[in-house]
N, C-alpha and C. Protein backbone atom coordinates (compact mmCIF):
# COMPACT_ATOMS: atom_id res chain seq x y z
N MET A 1 79.25 228.54 281.30
CA MET A 1 80.19 227.50 281.63
C MET A 1 81.59 227.99 281.31
N ARG A 2 82.50 227.79 282.24
CA ARG A 2 83.86 228.28 282.08
C ARG A 2 84.81 227.11 281.86
N ALA A 3 85.68 227.21 280.87
CA ALA A 3 86.65 226.14 280.56
C ALA A 3 87.88 226.29 281.42
N CYS A 4 88.38 225.21 281.88
CA CYS A 4 89.60 225.20 282.68
C CYS A 4 90.80 225.08 281.75
N GLY A 5 91.78 225.93 281.91
CA GLY A 5 92.96 225.91 281.04
C GLY A 5 93.74 224.62 281.13
N CYS A 6 93.83 224.02 282.31
CA CYS A 6 94.61 222.80 282.46
C CYS A 6 93.92 221.61 281.81
N CYS A 7 92.58 221.61 281.74
CA CYS A 7 91.85 220.50 281.12
C CYS A 7 92.16 220.40 279.63
N GLY A 8 92.29 221.56 278.99
CA GLY A 8 92.63 221.56 277.57
C GLY A 8 94.00 220.93 277.32
N ILE A 9 94.95 221.20 278.20
CA ILE A 9 96.29 220.62 278.07
C ILE A 9 96.23 219.11 278.25
N VAL A 10 95.46 218.66 279.24
CA VAL A 10 95.33 217.21 279.47
C VAL A 10 94.71 216.54 278.26
N TRP A 11 93.64 217.14 277.70
CA TRP A 11 92.99 216.55 276.53
C TRP A 11 93.93 216.52 275.33
N MET A 12 94.73 217.57 275.13
CA MET A 12 95.67 217.57 274.01
C MET A 12 96.73 216.50 274.21
N ALA A 13 97.20 216.32 275.44
CA ALA A 13 98.20 215.30 275.71
C ALA A 13 97.61 213.92 275.48
N LEU A 14 96.36 213.68 275.88
CA LEU A 14 95.69 212.40 275.68
C LEU A 14 95.50 212.14 274.19
N ALA A 15 95.10 213.16 273.44
CA ALA A 15 94.92 213.00 272.00
C ALA A 15 96.25 212.66 271.33
N ALA A 16 97.32 213.32 271.75
CA ALA A 16 98.64 213.05 271.17
C ALA A 16 99.08 211.63 271.50
N LEU A 17 98.81 211.17 272.71
CA LEU A 17 99.17 209.81 273.12
C LEU A 17 98.40 208.79 272.29
N LEU A 18 97.09 209.01 272.13
CA LEU A 18 96.28 208.08 271.35
C LEU A 18 96.71 208.05 269.89
N CYS A 19 97.00 209.18 269.31
CA CYS A 19 97.44 209.22 267.92
C CYS A 19 98.81 208.59 267.76
N GLY A 20 99.67 208.78 268.73
CA GLY A 20 101.01 208.23 268.65
C GLY A 20 101.05 206.72 268.73
N CYS A 21 100.09 206.12 269.46
CA CYS A 21 100.11 204.66 269.60
C CYS A 21 99.10 204.00 268.67
N GLY A 22 98.43 204.75 267.84
CA GLY A 22 97.46 204.18 266.93
C GLY A 22 96.08 204.02 267.55
N GLY A 23 95.91 204.48 268.79
CA GLY A 23 94.63 204.32 269.47
C GLY A 23 93.60 205.34 269.05
N GLY A 24 93.98 206.35 268.31
CA GLY A 24 93.06 207.39 267.91
C GLY A 24 92.16 206.98 266.76
N ASN A 25 92.55 205.95 266.02
CA ASN A 25 91.71 205.44 264.96
C ASN A 25 91.68 203.92 265.06
N ASN A 26 90.66 203.33 264.53
CA ASN A 26 90.51 201.88 264.63
C ASN A 26 90.91 201.19 263.34
N GLU A 27 91.72 201.82 262.52
CA GLU A 27 92.15 201.24 261.27
C GLU A 27 93.31 200.28 261.50
N PRO A 28 93.28 199.11 260.87
CA PRO A 28 94.42 198.19 260.99
C PRO A 28 95.61 198.76 260.22
N PRO A 29 96.82 198.31 260.55
CA PRO A 29 97.97 198.79 259.79
C PRO A 29 97.86 198.38 258.33
N ALA A 30 98.46 199.16 257.46
CA ALA A 30 98.41 198.88 256.03
C ALA A 30 99.10 197.56 255.73
N ASN A 31 98.48 196.77 254.86
CA ASN A 31 99.06 195.50 254.45
C ASN A 31 100.25 195.76 253.53
N GLN A 32 101.36 195.14 253.84
CA GLN A 32 102.57 195.29 253.04
C GLN A 32 102.59 194.22 251.94
N PRO A 33 103.07 194.55 250.75
CA PRO A 33 103.11 193.55 249.68
C PRO A 33 104.16 192.48 249.96
N PRO A 34 103.95 191.28 249.46
CA PRO A 34 104.96 190.24 249.64
C PRO A 34 106.19 190.52 248.78
N SER A 35 107.30 189.87 249.12
CA SER A 35 108.50 189.95 248.28
C SER A 35 108.61 188.64 247.52
N VAL A 36 108.99 188.74 246.26
CA VAL A 36 109.06 187.57 245.39
C VAL A 36 110.31 187.67 244.53
N SER A 37 111.01 186.54 244.39
CA SER A 37 112.10 186.48 243.42
C SER A 37 111.88 185.24 242.56
N LEU A 38 112.19 185.36 241.28
CA LEU A 38 111.95 184.30 240.31
C LEU A 38 113.28 183.83 239.74
N ALA A 39 113.45 182.51 239.67
CA ALA A 39 114.65 181.94 239.06
C ALA A 39 114.21 181.11 237.85
N ALA A 40 114.91 181.31 236.76
CA ALA A 40 114.63 180.58 235.53
C ALA A 40 115.92 180.49 234.73
N PRO A 41 116.03 179.55 233.82
CA PRO A 41 117.24 179.47 232.98
C PRO A 41 117.43 180.76 232.19
N ALA A 42 118.69 181.12 231.98
CA ALA A 42 119.01 182.33 231.21
C ALA A 42 118.58 182.18 229.76
N THR A 43 118.67 180.98 229.23
CA THR A 43 118.25 180.73 227.85
C THR A 43 117.41 179.46 227.82
N ALA A 44 116.57 179.37 226.82
CA ALA A 44 115.74 178.17 226.64
C ALA A 44 115.44 178.02 225.16
N SER A 45 115.21 176.78 224.77
CA SER A 45 114.84 176.50 223.38
C SER A 45 113.33 176.38 223.27
N SER A 46 112.82 176.78 222.14
CA SER A 46 111.39 176.70 221.90
C SER A 46 110.95 175.24 221.95
N GLY A 47 109.84 175.00 222.64
CA GLY A 47 109.30 173.65 222.73
C GLY A 47 109.90 172.79 223.82
N VAL A 48 110.91 173.31 224.54
CA VAL A 48 111.55 172.57 225.62
C VAL A 48 111.04 173.11 226.96
N ALA A 49 110.63 172.19 227.84
CA ALA A 49 110.12 172.60 229.15
C ALA A 49 111.23 173.20 230.00
N VAL A 50 110.92 174.23 230.73
CA VAL A 50 111.87 174.84 231.67
C VAL A 50 111.23 174.83 233.07
N ILE A 51 112.08 174.79 234.07
CA ILE A 51 111.60 174.83 235.45
C ILE A 51 111.72 176.26 235.96
N LEU A 52 110.61 176.79 236.41
CA LEU A 52 110.58 178.10 237.04
C LEU A 52 110.51 177.86 238.54
N ALA A 53 111.25 178.64 239.30
CA ALA A 53 111.21 178.53 240.76
C ALA A 53 111.05 179.93 241.34
N ALA A 54 110.23 180.02 242.36
CA ALA A 54 109.98 181.31 243.01
C ALA A 54 110.21 181.18 244.51
N THR A 55 110.79 182.22 245.06
CA THR A 55 110.89 182.36 246.51
C THR A 55 109.97 183.51 246.89
N ALA A 56 109.06 183.26 247.80
CA ALA A 56 108.09 184.28 248.19
C ALA A 56 108.00 184.35 249.71
N ALA A 57 107.88 185.57 250.23
CA ALA A 57 107.75 185.79 251.67
C ALA A 57 106.82 186.97 251.90
N ASP A 58 106.13 186.94 253.03
CA ASP A 58 105.23 188.03 253.39
C ASP A 58 105.51 188.41 254.84
N SER A 59 105.99 189.63 255.06
CA SER A 59 106.40 190.07 256.39
C SER A 59 105.24 190.20 257.37
N ASP A 60 104.03 190.39 256.87
CA ASP A 60 102.89 190.54 257.77
C ASP A 60 101.75 189.58 257.44
N GLY A 61 102.12 188.42 256.92
CA GLY A 61 101.12 187.42 256.56
C GLY A 61 101.80 186.13 256.12
N SER A 62 101.14 185.40 255.27
CA SER A 62 101.71 184.16 254.76
C SER A 62 101.40 184.04 253.28
N ILE A 63 102.14 183.19 252.60
CA ILE A 63 101.95 182.95 251.18
C ILE A 63 101.10 181.69 251.03
N ALA A 64 99.94 181.83 250.40
CA ALA A 64 99.03 180.69 250.21
C ALA A 64 99.37 179.93 248.94
N SER A 65 99.82 180.65 247.90
CA SER A 65 100.16 180.01 246.63
C SER A 65 100.94 180.98 245.77
N VAL A 66 101.60 180.42 244.76
CA VAL A 66 102.30 181.22 243.76
C VAL A 66 101.79 180.79 242.40
N ASP A 67 101.36 181.76 241.60
CA ASP A 67 100.89 181.50 240.24
C ASP A 67 102.00 181.88 239.25
N PHE A 68 102.24 181.04 238.28
CA PHE A 68 103.22 181.31 237.23
C PHE A 68 102.49 181.62 235.93
N TYR A 69 102.83 182.77 235.34
CA TYR A 69 102.17 183.22 234.12
C TYR A 69 103.17 183.43 232.99
N ASP A 70 102.69 183.23 231.77
CA ASP A 70 103.38 183.67 230.56
C ASP A 70 102.47 184.72 229.96
N GLY A 71 102.75 185.98 230.26
CA GLY A 71 101.83 187.05 229.88
C GLY A 71 100.56 186.90 230.68
N SER A 72 99.42 186.72 230.01
CA SER A 72 98.15 186.54 230.71
C SER A 72 97.75 185.07 230.81
N THR A 73 98.60 184.16 230.32
CA THR A 73 98.31 182.72 230.35
C THR A 73 98.86 182.08 231.62
N LEU A 74 97.99 181.50 232.42
CA LEU A 74 98.40 180.81 233.63
C LEU A 74 99.09 179.51 233.25
N LEU A 75 100.35 179.37 233.67
CA LEU A 75 101.11 178.16 233.39
C LEU A 75 100.93 177.11 234.49
N GLY A 76 100.78 177.57 235.71
CA GLY A 76 100.62 176.64 236.82
C GLY A 76 100.56 177.37 238.14
N THR A 77 100.13 176.63 239.16
CA THR A 77 100.01 177.16 240.52
C THR A 77 100.67 176.18 241.47
N ASP A 78 101.44 176.70 242.42
CA ASP A 78 102.05 175.85 243.44
C ASP A 78 101.61 176.40 244.80
N ARG A 79 101.12 175.51 245.66
CA ARG A 79 100.63 175.92 246.97
C ARG A 79 101.56 175.55 248.11
N VAL A 80 102.70 174.92 247.79
CA VAL A 80 103.63 174.48 248.81
C VAL A 80 105.03 174.94 248.46
N ALA A 81 105.72 175.57 249.43
CA ALA A 81 107.11 175.97 249.21
C ALA A 81 108.01 174.74 249.25
N PRO A 82 109.07 174.68 248.51
CA PRO A 82 109.54 175.68 247.54
C PRO A 82 108.64 175.68 246.30
N PHE A 83 108.33 176.86 245.83
CA PHE A 83 107.40 177.04 244.72
C PHE A 83 108.12 176.84 243.40
N SER A 84 107.61 175.90 242.58
CA SER A 84 108.20 175.68 241.24
C SER A 84 107.18 175.07 240.30
């Protein structure tokens, strides 16, 4: 069996096209992490409640909830924006 030189070029061009458009693999694009910013008072007194507020966005998804922690202790969860 003899290989045709032009067929190899066509196959390489097809492979390059598929790889360039993501068609060469069936993997979904990588999930990007959400962006989050936290607002809180600059100072607080011990034993006095403070309001924490978070702004959260996800460029390739949505935010289902925001959890507020003090170290490993869960302080609260908010499922509706604005998160506080």
